[in-house]
PDB file of N, CA and C in Angstrom:
ATOM      1  N   MET A   1      62.594  83.929 110.827  1.00  0.00           N
ATOM      2  CA  MET A   1      63.490  84.421 111.822  1.00  0.00           C
ATOM      3  C   MET A   1      64.504  85.586 110.603  1.00  0.00           C
ATOM      4  N   ILE A   2      64.898  86.643 110.707  1.00  0.00           N
ATOM      5  CA  ILE A   2      66.068  87.661 110.678  1.00  0.00           C
ATOM      6  C   ILE A   2      66.934  87.153 110.398  1.00  0.00           C
ATOM      7  N   LYS A   3      67.914  86.620 109.599  1.00  0.00           N
ATOM      8  CA  LYS A   3      69.482  87.036 110.177  1.00  0.00           C
ATOM      9  C   LYS A   3      69.697  87.123 109.382  1.00  0.00           C
ATOM     10  N   GLY A   4      69.415  88.542 108.605  1.00  0.00           N
ATOM     11  CA  GLY A   4      70.405  89.483 108.675  1.00  0.00           C
ATOM     12  C   GLY A   4      70.160  91.057 107.780  1.00  0.00           C
ATOM     13  N   ILE A   5      70.206  91.841 107.984  1.00  0.00           N
ATOM     14  CA  ILE A   5      70.452  92.952 106.883  1.00  0.00           C
ATOM     15  C   ILE A   5      71.085  93.616 106.196  1.00  0.00           C
ATOM     16  N   GLY A   6      71.168  94.069 104.951  1.00  0.00           N
ATOM     17  CA  GLY A   6      72.172  95.292 105.047  1.00  0.00           C
ATOM     18  C   GLY A   6      71.422  96.341 104.014  1.00  0.00           C
ATOM     19  N   CYS A   7      72.588  97.317 103.446  1.00  0.00           N
ATOM     20  CA  CYS A   7      72.535  98.394 102.385  1.00  0.00           C
ATOM     21  C   CYS A   7      73.029  98.713 102.034  1.00  0.00           C
ATOM     22  N   ASP A   8      73.327  99.489 100.818  1.00  0.00           N
ATOM     23  CA  ASP A   8      74.753 100.629 100.683  1.00  0.00           C
ATOM     24  C   ASP A   8      74.367 101.587 100.116  1.00  0.00           C
ATOM     25  N   ILE A   9      74.488 102.545  99.780  1.00  0.00           N
ATOM     26  CA  ILE A   9      74.561 103.324  98.520  1.00  0.00           C
ATOM     27  C   ILE A   9      75.641 103.757  98.177  1.00  0.00           C
ATOM     28  N   VAL A  10      75.537 103.503  95.958  1.00  0.00           N
ATOM     29  CA  VAL A  10      76.390 104.302  95.153  1.00  0.00           C
ATOM     30  C   VAL A  10      76.206 105.451  94.150  1.00  0.00           C
ATOM     31  N   SER A  11      77.218 106.399  94.144  1.00  0.00           N
ATOM     32  CA  SER A  11      77.368 107.077  93.321  1.00  0.00           C
ATOM     33  C   SER A  11      77.038 107.012  91.550  1.00  0.00           C
ATOM     34  N   ILE A  12      76.001 106.482  90.929  1.00  0.00           N
ATOM     35  CA  ILE A  12      76.122 105.939  89.533  1.00  0.00           C
ATOM     36  C   ILE A  12      76.691 106.727  89.227  1.00  0.00           C
ATOM     37  N   ASN A  13      77.501 107.678  89.068  1.00  0.00           N
ATOM     38  CA  ASN A  13      78.787 109.232  88.070  1.00  0.00           C
ATOM     39  C   ASN A  13      80.264 107.564  88.618  1.00  0.00           C
ATOM     40  N   ARG A  14      80.324 107.360  89.717  1.00  0.00           N
ATOM     41  CA  ARG A  14      81.170 106.211  90.826  1.00  0.00           C
ATOM     42  C   ARG A  14      81.639 105.065  89.819  1.00  0.00           C
ATOM     43  N   ILE A  15      80.377 104.345  89.165  1.00  0.00           N
ATOM     44  CA  ILE A  15      80.500 103.332  88.511  1.00  0.00           C
ATOM     45  C   ILE A  15      80.795 103.950  87.270  1.00  0.00           C
ATOM     46  N   LYS A  16      80.460 104.698  86.775  1.00  0.00           N
ATOM     47  CA  LYS A  16      80.071 104.982  85.117  1.00  0.00           C
ATOM     48  C   LYS A  16      81.721 105.404  84.350  1.00  0.00           C
ATOM     49  N   LYS A  17      81.783 105.956  85.860  1.00  0.00           N
ATOM     50  CA  LYS A  17      83.945 106.267  85.782  1.00  0.00           C
ATOM     51  C   LYS A  17      84.322 105.498  85.855  1.00  0.00           C
ATOM     52  N   LEU A  18      84.096 104.489  86.913  1.00  0.00           N
ATOM     53  CA  LEU A  18      84.915 102.702  86.827  1.00  0.00           C
ATOM     54  C   LEU A  18      84.772 102.229  85.411  1.00  0.00           C
ATOM     55  N   VAL A  19      83.170 102.438  84.830  1.00  0.00           N
ATOM     56  CA  VAL A  19      83.448 101.321  84.359  1.00  0.00           C
ATOM     57  C   VAL A  19      84.088 102.303  82.325  1.00  0.00           C
ATOM     58  N   ASP A  20      84.153 103.672  82.500  1.00  0.00           N
ATOM     59  CA  ASP A  20      84.986 104.260  81.320  1.00  0.00           C
ATOM     60  C   ASP A  20      86.597 104.027  81.649  1.00  0.00           C
ATOM     61  N   THR A  21      87.020 103.845  82.887  1.00  0.00           N
ATOM     62  CA  THR A  21      88.573 103.770  82.845  1.00  0.00           C
ATOM     63  C   THR A  21      89.285 102.300  82.969  1.00  0.00           C
ATOM     64  N   TRP A  22      88.062 101.069  83.006  1.00  0.00           N
ATOM     65  CA  TRP A  22      88.402  99.999  83.027  1.00  0.00           C
ATOM     66  C   TRP A  22      87.648  99.044  82.499  1.00  0.00           C
ATOM     67  N   GLY A  23      87.032  99.655  81.888  1.00  0.00           N
ATOM     68  CA  GLY A  23      85.674  99.277  80.531  1.00  0.00           C
ATOM     69  C   GLY A  23      85.357  97.356  81.415  1.00  0.00           C
ATOM     70  N   ASP A  24      85.999  96.933  80.627  1.00  0.00           N
ATOM     71  CA  ASP A  24      85.286  95.078  80.782  1.00  0.00           C
ATOM     72  C   ASP A  24      86.419  94.327  81.939  1.00  0.00           C
ATOM     73  N   LYS A  25      87.788  94.776  82.348  1.00  0.00           N
ATOM     74  CA  LYS A  25      88.020  94.944  83.459  1.00  0.00           C
ATOM     75  C   LYS A  25      87.310  95.112  84.434  1.00  0.00           C
ATOM     76  N   PHE A  26      86.713  95.779  84.513  1.00  0.00           N
ATOM     77  CA  PHE A  26      86.044  95.988  85.432  1.00  0.00           C
ATOM     78  C   PHE A  26      84.227  95.223  85.808  1.00  0.00           C
ATOM     79  N   LEU A  27      83.623  95.442  85.044  1.00  0.00           N
ATOM     80  CA  LEU A  27      83.082  94.444  84.245  1.00  0.00           C
ATOM     81  C   LEU A  27      82.498  94.029  84.163  1.00  0.00           C
ATOM     82  N   CYS A  28      83.754  92.738  84.264  1.00  0.00           N
ATOM     83  CA  CYS A  28      83.805  91.391  84.143  1.00  0.00           C
ATOM     84  C   CYS A  28      84.162  90.483  85.841  1.00  0.00           C
ATOM     85  N   ARG A  29      84.576  92.105  86.539  1.00  0.00           N
ATOM     86  CA  ARG A  29      85.408  91.662  87.627  1.00  0.00           C
ATOM     87  C   ARG A  29      83.706  90.970  88.645  1.00  0.00           C
ATOM     88  N   ILE A  30      82.597  92.953  88.288  1.00  0.00           N
ATOM     89  CA  ILE A  30      82.358  92.370  89.227  1.00  0.00           C
ATOM     90  C   ILE A  30      80.762  92.099  88.636  1.00  0.00           C
ATOM     91  N   PHE A  31      80.026  91.834  87.407  1.00  0.00           N
ATOM     92  CA  PHE A  31      79.100  91.311  87.473  1.00  0.00           C
ATOM     93  C   PHE A  31      79.487  90.181  86.203  1.00  0.00           C
ATOM     94  N   THR A  32      77.831  89.278  86.713  1.00  0.00           N
ATOM     95  CA  THR A  32      77.801  88.280  85.433  1.00  0.00           C
ATOM     96  C   THR A  32      77.608  88.427  84.115  1.00  0.00           C
ATOM     97  N   LEU A  33      78.158  87.532  83.515  1.00  0.00           N
ATOM     98  CA  LEU A  33      76.991  87.456  82.182  1.00  0.00           C
ATOM     99  C   LEU A  33      75.611  87.981  81.965  1.00  0.00           C
ATOM    100  N   SER A  34      75.317  87.066  82.928  1.00  0.00           N
ATOM    101  CA  SER A  34      73.582  87.162  82.260  1.00  0.00           C
ATOM    102  C   SER A  34      73.219  88.825  83.303  1.00  0.00           C
ATOM    103  N   GLU A  35      73.550  89.100  84.142  1.00  0.00           N
ATOM    104  CA  GLU A  35      73.458  90.870  84.272  1.00  0.00           C
ATOM    105  C   GLU A  35      74.044  91.842  83.689  1.00  0.00           C
ATOM    106  N   LEU A  36      75.523  91.584  82.116  1.00  0.00           N
ATOM    107  CA  LEU A  36      76.248  92.375  82.000  1.00  0.00           C
ATOM    108  C   LEU A  36      74.775  92.307  80.669  1.00  0.00           C
ATOM    109  N   GLU A  37      74.325  91.078  80.484  1.00  0.00           N
ATOM    110  CA  GLU A  37      73.754  91.048  78.573  1.00  0.00           C
ATOM    111  C   GLU A  37      72.028  91.839  79.534  1.00  0.00           C
ATOM    112  N   CYS A  38      71.404  91.902  80.334  1.00  0.00           N
ATOM    113  CA  CYS A  38      70.264  92.633  80.719  1.00  0.00           C
ATOM    114  C   CYS A  38      70.941  94.254  80.520  1.00  0.00           C
ATOM    115  N   ALA A  39      71.876  94.726  81.073  1.00  0.00           N
ATOM    116  CA  ALA A  39      72.267  95.823  81.617  1.00  0.00           C
ATOM    117  C   ALA A  39      72.487  96.181  79.769  1.00  0.00           C
ATOM    118  N   ASN A  40      73.487  95.444  78.791  1.00  0.00           N
ATOM    119  CA  ASN A  40      73.197  96.192  77.595  1.00  0.00           C
ATOM    120  C   ASN A  40      71.833  95.772  76.334  1.00  0.00           C
ATOM    121  N   LYS A  41      70.834  95.426  76.957  1.00  0.00           N
ATOM    122  CA  LYS A  41      69.343  95.081  76.396  1.00  0.00           C
ATOM    123  C   LYS A  41      68.880  96.538  77.279  1.00  0.00           C
ATOM    124  N   ARG A  42      68.698  97.670  78.009  1.00  0.00           N
ATOM    125  CA  ARG A  42      68.804  98.407  78.315  1.00  0.00           C
ATOM    126  C   ARG A  42      68.850  99.580  77.655  1.00  0.00           C
ATOM    127  N   LYS A  43      67.334 100.462  76.915  1.00  0.00           N
ATOM    128  CA  LYS A  43      67.352 101.821  76.230  1.00  0.00           C
ATOM    129  C   LYS A  43      68.305 102.893  77.315  1.00  0.00           C
ATOM    130  N   TYR A  44      67.815 103.211  78.315  1.00  0.00           N
ATOM    131  CA  TYR A  44      68.302 104.243  78.996  1.00  0.00           C
ATOM    132  C   TYR A  44      69.095 104.083  80.093  1.00  0.00           C
ATOM    133  N   GLY A  45      69.454 104.303  81.783  1.00  0.00           N
ATOM    134  CA  GLY A  45      69.831 103.874  83.104  1.00  0.00           C
ATOM    135  C   GLY A  45      70.908 102.673  82.817  1.00  0.00           C
ATOM    136  N   TYR A  46      71.684 103.084  81.728  1.00  0.00           N
ATOM    137  CA  TYR A  46      73.138 101.621  81.711  1.00  0.00           C
ATOM    138  C   TYR A  46      73.691 101.620  83.352  1.00  0.00           C
ATOM    139  N   TYR A  47      74.028 103.054  83.514  1.00  0.00           N
ATOM    140  CA  TYR A  47      74.850 102.947  84.620  1.00  0.00           C
ATOM    141  C   TYR A  47      74.021 102.746  86.104  1.00  0.00           C
ATOM    142  N   ALA A  48      72.523 103.171  86.799  1.00  0.00           N
ATOM    143  CA  ALA A  48      72.235 103.542  87.472  1.00  0.00           C
ATOM    144  C   ALA A  48      71.762 101.294  87.449  1.00  0.00           C
ATOM    145  N   TYR A  49      71.566 101.222  86.010  1.00  0.00           N
ATOM    146  CA  TYR A  49      71.143  99.461  86.744  1.00  0.00           C
ATOM    147  C   TYR A  49      72.501  98.855  87.202  1.00  0.00           C
ATOM    148  N   LEU A  50      73.972  99.316  86.274  1.00  0.00           N
ATOM    149  CA  LEU A  50      74.470  98.725  87.221  1.00  0.00           C
ATOM    150  C   LEU A  50      75.233  99.273  88.196  1.00  0.00           C
ATOM    151  N   ALA A  51      74.637 100.240  88.986  1.00  0.00           N
ATOM    152  CA  ALA A  51      75.192 100.699  90.074  1.00  0.00           C
ATOM    153  C   ALA A  51      74.444 100.114  91.000  1.00  0.00           C
ATOM    154  N   LYS A  52      73.142  99.201  90.552  1.00  0.00           N
ATOM    155  CA  LYS A  52      71.331  99.295  91.506  1.00  0.00           C
ATOM    156  C   LYS A  52      72.429  97.161  92.167  1.00  0.00           C
ATOM    157  N   ARG A  53      72.564  96.982  90.944  1.00  0.00           N
ATOM    158  CA  ARG A  53      73.165  95.651  91.813  1.00  0.00           C
ATOM    159  C   ARG A  53      74.708  95.551  92.578  1.00  0.00           C
ATOM    160  N   PHE A  54      75.878  97.174  91.723  1.00  0.00           N
ATOM    161  CA  PHE A  54      76.638  96.918  92.560  1.00  0.00           C
ATOM    162  C   PHE A  54      76.099  97.116  94.062  1.00  0.00           C
ATOM    163  N   ALA A  55      75.144  97.749  94.664  1.00  0.00           N
ATOM    164  CA  ALA A  55      74.728  97.777  95.645  1.00  0.00           C
ATOM    165  C   ALA A  55      74.310  96.700  96.340  1.00  0.00           C
ATOM    166  N   ALA A  56      73.489  96.147  95.182  1.00  0.00           N
ATOM    167  CA  ALA A  56      72.699  94.621  95.867  1.00  0.00           C
ATOM    168  C   ALA A  56      74.261  94.306  96.293  1.00  0.00           C
ATOM    169  N   LYS A  57      74.847  93.613  95.658  1.00  0.00           N
ATOM    170  CA  LYS A  57      75.840  92.936  95.524  1.00  0.00           C
ATOM    171  C   LYS A  57      76.457  93.585  97.749  1.00  0.00           C
ATOM    172  N   GLU A  58      76.928  95.110  97.301  1.00  0.00           N
ATOM    173  CA  GLU A  58      77.115  94.993  99.241  1.00  0.00           C
ATOM    174  C   GLU A  58      76.407  95.041  99.922  1.00  0.00           C
ATOM    175  N   ALA A  59      74.870  95.389  99.909  1.00  0.00           N
ATOM    176  CA  ALA A  59      74.367  95.456 101.049  1.00  0.00           C
ATOM    177  C   ALA A  59      74.111  93.415 101.243  1.00  0.00           C
ATOM    178  N   ILE A  60      74.662  92.653 100.555  1.00  0.00           N
ATOM    179  CA  ILE A  60      74.273  91.611 100.314  1.00  0.00           C
ATOM    180  C   ILE A  60      75.370  90.703 101.543  1.00  0.00           C
ATOM    181  N   SER A  61      76.161  91.254 101.079  1.00  0.00           N
ATOM    182  CA  SER A  61      78.049  91.165 101.920  1.00  0.00           C
ATOM    183  C   SER A  61      77.380  91.468 103.541  1.00  0.00           C
ATOM    184  N   LYS A  62      76.999  92.772 103.558  1.00  0.00           N
ATOM    185  CA  LYS A  62      76.919  93.316 104.772  1.00  0.00           C
ATOM    186  C   LYS A  62      75.805  92.906 105.404  1.00  0.00           C
ATOM    187  N   ALA A  63      74.958  91.497 105.269  1.00  0.00           N
ATOM    188  CA  ALA A  63      73.728  91.590 105.655  1.00  0.00           C
ATOM    189  C   ALA A  63      74.621  90.064 106.353  1.00  0.00           C
ATOM    190  N   LEU A  64      75.043  89.335 105.090  1.00  0.00           N
ATOM    191  CA  LEU A  64      76.073  88.249 105.628  1.00  0.00           C
ATOM    192  C   LEU A  64      76.628  88.347 106.521  1.00  0.00           C
ATOM    193  N   LYS A  65      76.945  89.671 106.793  1.00  0.00           N
ATOM    194  CA  LYS A  65      78.133  89.742 107.303  1.00  0.00           C
ATOM    195  C   LYS A  65      80.072  89.288 107.453  1.00  0.00           C
ATOM    196  N   THR A  66      80.055  89.186 106.332  1.00  0.00           N
ATOM    197  CA  THR A  66      81.431  88.549 105.470  1.00  0.00           C
ATOM    198  C   THR A  66      81.933  89.739 105.158  1.00  0.00           C
ATOM    199  N   GLY A  67      81.292  90.604 104.149  1.00  0.00           N
ATOM    200  CA  GLY A  67      81.972  91.562 102.850  1.00  0.00           C
ATOM    201  C   GLY A  67      83.047  90.978 102.683  1.00  0.00           C
ATOM    202  N   ILE A  68      82.606  92.073 100.993  1.00  0.00           N
ATOM    203  CA  ILE A  68      82.928  91.186  99.334  1.00  0.00           C
ATOM    204  C   ILE A  68      84.128  90.759  99.751  1.00  0.00           C
ATOM    205  N   GLY A  69      84.727  89.095  99.752  1.00  0.00           N
ATOM    206  CA  GLY A  69      86.045  89.149  99.618  1.00  0.00           C
ATOM    207  C   GLY A  69      86.384  87.761  99.685  1.00  0.00           C
ATOM    208  N   SER A  70      87.166  86.742 100.227  1.00  0.00           N
ATOM    209  CA  SER A  70      87.169  85.283  99.664  1.00  0.00           C
ATOM    210  C   SER A  70      85.738  84.094 100.723  1.00  0.00           C
ATOM    211  N   ALA A  71      84.745  85.427 101.755  1.00  0.00           N
ATOM    212  CA  ALA A  71      83.874  84.914 101.512  1.00  0.00           C
ATOM    213  C   ALA A  71      82.900  84.875 100.538  1.00  0.00           C
ATOM    214  N   LEU A  72      82.478  85.805  99.852  1.00  0.00           N
ATOM    215  CA  LEU A  72      82.017  85.609  99.285  1.00  0.00           C
ATOM    216  C   LEU A  72      81.802  87.021  98.187  1.00  0.00           C
ATOM    217  N   SER A  73      82.693  85.969  96.655  1.00  0.00           N
ATOM    218  CA  SER A  73      82.688  87.392  95.324  1.00  0.00           C
ATOM    219  C   SER A  73      82.057  88.127  95.177  1.00  0.00           C
ATOM    220  N   PHE A  74      81.865  89.500  94.442  1.00  0.00           N
ATOM    221  CA  PHE A  74      80.492  90.001  93.374  1.00  0.00           C
ATOM    222  C   PHE A  74      80.064  88.764  92.890  1.00  0.00           C
ATOM    223  N   LYS A  75      80.744  88.483  92.172  1.00  0.00           N
ATOM    224  CA  LYS A  75      80.035  86.959  91.114  1.00  0.00           C
ATOM    225  C   LYS A  75      79.576  85.970  91.215  1.00  0.00           C
ATOM    226  N   GLU A  76      79.520  86.330  92.844  1.00  0.00           N
ATOM    227  CA  GLU A  76      78.999  84.742  93.267  1.00  0.00           C
ATOM    228  C   GLU A  76      77.061  84.876  93.529  1.00  0.00           C
ATOM    229  N   CYS A  77      77.034  86.047  93.301  1.00  0.00           N
ATOM    230  CA  CYS A  77      75.752  86.074  92.965  1.00  0.00           C
ATOM    231  C   CYS A  77      75.237  87.417  91.956  1.00  0.00           C
ATOM    232  N   GLU A  78      73.611  87.078  91.535  1.00  0.00           N
ATOM    233  CA  GLU A  78      73.949  87.648  90.667  1.00  0.00           C
ATOM    234  C   GLU A  78      72.244  88.666  90.942  1.00  0.00           C
ATOM    235  N   ILE A  79      71.987  89.913  90.759  1.00  0.00           N
ATOM    236  CA  ILE A  79      71.250  90.163  90.532  1.00  0.00           C
ATOM    237  C   ILE A  79      69.844  90.456  89.861  1.00  0.00           C
ATOM    238  N   LEU A  80      69.348  89.921  89.361  1.00  0.00           N
ATOM    239  CA  LEU A  80      68.614  89.801  88.146  1.00  0.00           C
ATOM    240  C   LEU A  80      66.854  90.305  87.997  1.00  0.00           C
ATOM    241  N   ASN A  81      65.936  90.652  87.503  1.00  0.00           N
ATOM    242  CA  ASN A  81      64.757  90.511  88.006  1.00  0.00           C
ATOM    243  C   ASN A  81      63.884  89.481  86.920  1.00  0.00           C
ATOM    244  N   ASP A  82      62.297  88.923  88.356  1.00  0.00           N
ATOM    245  CA  ASP A  82      61.385  88.284  88.344  1.00  0.00           C
ATOM    246  C   ASP A  82      60.832  89.148  87.167  1.00  0.00           C
ATOM    247  N   GLU A  83      59.574  88.101  86.241  1.00  0.00           N
ATOM    248  CA  GLU A  83      59.047  88.571  85.384  1.00  0.00           C
ATOM    249  C   GLU A  83      58.000  89.504  85.158  1.00  0.00           C
ATOM    250  N   LYS A  84      58.131  89.717  86.854  1.00  0.00           N
ATOM    251  CA  LYS A  84      56.575  92.041  86.885  1.00  0.00           C
ATOM    252  C   LYS A  84      58.197  92.806  87.511  1.00  0.00           C
ATOM    253  N   GLY A  85      59.730  91.686  86.427  1.00  0.00           N
ATOM    254  CA  GLY A  85      60.601  93.514  87.163  1.00  0.00           C
ATOM    255  C   GLY A  85      61.193  93.623  88.378  1.00  0.00           C
ATOM    256  N   ALA A  86      60.915  92.980  89.226  1.00  0.00           N
ATOM    257  CA  ALA A  86      61.481  93.106  90.764  1.00  0.00           C
ATOM    258  C   ALA A  86      62.418  92.169  90.845  1.00  0.00           C
ATOM    259  N   PRO A  87      63.092  93.020  91.735  1.00  0.00           N
ATOM    260  CA  PRO A  87      64.625  91.691  91.782  1.00  0.00           C
ATOM    261  C   PRO A  87      64.803  91.010  92.268  1.00  0.00           C
ATOM    262  N   LEU A  88      65.535  89.810  91.798  1.00  0.00           N
ATOM    263  CA  LEU A  88      65.773  88.599  92.271  1.00  0.00           C
ATOM    264  C   LEU A  88      67.557  88.482  92.833  1.00  0.00           C
ATOM    265  N   VAL A  89      67.352  87.922  93.462  1.00  0.00           N
ATOM    266  CA  VAL A  89      68.776  87.357  93.954  1.00  0.00           C
ATOM    267  C   VAL A  89      69.110  86.366  93.559  1.00  0.00           C
ATOM    268  N   ASN A  90      70.133  85.323  93.153  1.00  0.00           N
ATOM    269  CA  ASN A  90      70.822  84.097  93.260  1.00  0.00           C
ATOM    270  C   ASN A  90      71.806  84.454  92.929  1.00  0.00           C
ATOM    271  N   PHE A  91      72.228  82.868  93.987  1.00  0.00           N
ATOM    272  CA  PHE A  91      73.319  82.408  94.892  1.00  0.00           C
ATOM    273  C   PHE A  91      74.036  81.543  93.554  1.00  0.00           C
ATOM    274  N   LEU A  92      75.544  81.820  92.927  1.00  0.00           N
ATOM    275  CA  LEU A  92      75.847  80.084  92.333  1.00  0.00           C
ATOM    276  C   LEU A  92      76.631  79.928  92.855  1.00  0.00           C
ATOM    277  N   ARG A  93      76.350  79.843  94.552  1.00  0.00           N
ATOM    278  CA  ARG A  93      77.248  77.832  94.787  1.00  0.00           C
ATOM    279  C   ARG A  93      75.658  78.058  95.882  1.00  0.00           C
ATOM    280  N   LYS A  94      76.150  76.640  95.870  1.00  0.00           N
ATOM    281  CA  LYS A  94      75.575  76.006  96.606  1.00  0.00           C
ATOM    282  C   LYS A  94      75.266  75.925  97.777  1.00  0.00           C
ATOM    283  N   ASP A  95      76.471  76.684  98.312  1.00  0.00           N
ATOM    284  CA  ASP A  95      76.873  76.753 100.146  1.00  0.00           C
ATOM    285  C   ASP A  95      75.878  78.042 100.852  1.00  0.00           C
ATOM    286  N   LEU A  96      75.974  78.760  99.853  1.00  0.00           N
ATOM    287  CA  LEU A  96      74.531  79.815 100.189  1.00  0.00           C
ATOM    288  C   LEU A  96      73.438  79.702  99.504  1.00  0.00           C
ATOM    289  N   ASN A  97      72.582  79.354 100.442  1.00  0.00           N
ATOM    290  CA  ASN A  97      70.638  79.407 100.146  1.00  0.00           C
ATOM    291  C   ASN A  97      70.369  79.393 100.593  1.00  0.00           C
ATOM    292  N   PHE A  98      70.117  80.814 100.605  1.00  0.00           N
ATOM    293  CA  PHE A  98      69.375  82.477 101.664  1.00  0.00           C
ATOM    294  C   PHE A  98      68.919  83.023 100.796  1.00  0.00           C
ATOM    295  N   GLN A  99      67.194  82.664 102.022  1.00  0.00           N
ATOM    296  CA  GLN A  99      66.556  83.522 100.773  1.00  0.00           C
ATOM    297  C   GLN A  99      66.550  84.724 101.635  1.00  0.00           C
ATOM    298  N   VAL A 100      66.274  86.282 100.053  1.00  0.00           N
ATOM    299  CA  VAL A 100      66.825  87.402 100.026  1.00  0.00           C
ATOM    300  C   VAL A 100      65.391  88.285  99.609  1.00  0.00           C
ATOM    301  N   HIS A 101      65.323  88.685 100.195  1.00  0.00           N
ATOM    302  CA  HIS A 101      64.432  90.052 100.094  1.00  0.00           C
ATOM    303  C   HIS A 101      64.939  91.536  99.567  1.00  0.00           C
ATOM    304  N   LEU A 102      65.183  92.101  98.669  1.00  0.00           N
ATOM    305  CA  LEU A 102      66.126  93.207  98.222  1.00  0.00           C
ATOM    306  C   LEU A 102      65.073  93.824  97.304  1.00  0.00           C
ATOM    307  N   SER A 103      65.192  95.086  97.923  1.00  0.00           N
ATOM    308  CA  SER A 103      64.514  96.424  97.164  1.00  0.00           C
ATOM    309  C   SER A 103      65.729  96.806  96.485  1.00  0.00           C
ATOM    310  N   LEU A 104      65.622  97.880  95.425  1.00  0.00           N
ATOM    311  CA  LEU A 104      66.419  98.672  94.632  1.00  0.00           C
ATOM    312  C   LEU A 104      65.965  99.585  94.152  1.00  0.00           C
ATOM    313  N   SER A 105      67.038 101.429  94.361  1.00  0.00           N
ATOM    314  CA  SER A 105      66.448 102.112  94.044  1.00  0.00           C
ATOM    315  C   SER A 105      66.855 103.043  93.441  1.00  0.00           C
ATOM    316  N   ASP A 106      67.025 104.161  92.728  1.00  0.00           N
ATOM    317  CA  ASP A 106      67.756 105.117  92.488  1.00  0.00           C
ATOM    318  C   ASP A 106      66.909 106.475  92.227  1.00  0.00           C
ATOM    319  N   GLU A 107      67.535 107.340  92.160  1.00  0.00           N
ATOM    320  CA  GLU A 107      67.518 108.720  92.286  1.00  0.00           C
ATOM    321  C   GLU A 107      68.721 110.187  92.004  1.00  0.00           C
ATOM    322  N   LYS A 108      68.318 109.853  90.453  1.00  0.00           N
ATOM    323  CA  LYS A 108      69.706 110.758  89.726  1.00  0.00           C
ATOM    324  C   LYS A 108      70.771 110.329  89.978  1.00  0.00           C
ATOM    325  N   GLU A 109      71.798 110.697  91.486  1.00  0.00           N
ATOM    326  CA  GLU A 109      73.703 111.160  91.197  1.00  0.00           C
ATOM    327  C   GLU A 109      73.247 109.010  92.677  1.00  0.00           C
ATOM    328  N   TYR A 110      72.538 108.846  92.829  1.00  0.00           N
ATOM    329  CA  TYR A 110      72.956 107.328  93.771  1.00  0.00           C
ATOM    330  C   TYR A 110      71.696 106.779  93.016  1.00  0.00           C
ATOM    331  N   ALA A 111      72.425 105.523  94.156  1.00  0.00           N
ATOM    332  CA  ALA A 111      71.786 104.258  93.501  1.00  0.00           C
ATOM    333  C   ALA A 111      71.334 103.353  94.662  1.00  0.00           C
ATOM    334  N   GLN A 112      70.453 102.465  95.028  1.00  0.00           N
ATOM    335  CA  GLN A 112      70.314 102.375  96.867  1.00  0.00           C
ATOM    336  C   GLN A 112      69.776 100.774  96.711  1.00  0.00           C
ATOM    337  N   ALA A 113      70.413 100.125  97.572  1.00  0.00           N
ATOM    338  CA  ALA A 113      70.268  98.668  97.918  1.00  0.00           C
ATOM    339  C   ALA A 113      69.643  97.870  98.990  1.00  0.00           C
ATOM    340  N   PHE A 114      68.180  97.964  99.673  1.00  0.00           N
ATOM    341  CA  PHE A 114      67.874  97.561 101.034  1.00  0.00           C
ATOM    342  C   PHE A 114      67.792  95.814 100.524  1.00  0.00           C
ATOM    343  N   VAL A 115      68.511  95.013 101.997  1.00  0.00           N
ATOM    344  CA  VAL A 115      68.383  93.682 101.739  1.00  0.00           C
ATOM    345  C   VAL A 115      68.539  93.277 103.291  1.00  0.00           C
ATOM    346  N   ILE A 116      66.935  91.869 103.487  1.00  0.00           N
ATOM    347  CA  ILE A 116      66.476  90.895 104.290  1.00  0.00           C
ATOM    348  C   ILE A 116      66.969  89.745 103.774  1.00  0.00           C
ATOM    349  N   ILE A 117      67.651  89.138 104.614  1.00  0.00           N
ATOM    350  CA  ILE A 117      67.855  87.575 104.297  1.00  0.00           C
ATOM    351  C   ILE A 117      66.960  86.833 105.275  1.00  0.00           C
ATOM    352  N   VAL A 118      66.334  86.052 105.833  1.00  0.00           N
ATOM    353  CA  VAL A 118      66.034  85.817 106.273  1.00  0.00           C
ATOM    354  C   VAL A 118      66.006  83.411 106.304  1.00  0.00           C
TER     355      VAL A 118
END
């Protein structure tokens, strides 16, 4: 049974501007250490990688019907990849025990995430 769906679209340039303006203050507020380590290993697409994870966290919060805030912070879920490269959601709070189906996409200036929670 589907418990929630959510989607979000983000301007990759917006994320770049936030990183350029706020640097580590922004990065450490939004992303986990594991996410940042994966982003830093990329040869290209650094900002698209970050934008997709930002969009995914927003989409998850919409699917949970909580929004980002006191019920769910940006760093309480992390978006990594499985061994085949598919996006994988890890909740870092034990009470957030949901099965999440996540699709990520980017094209030129936008990154998009679509989530189904069952």
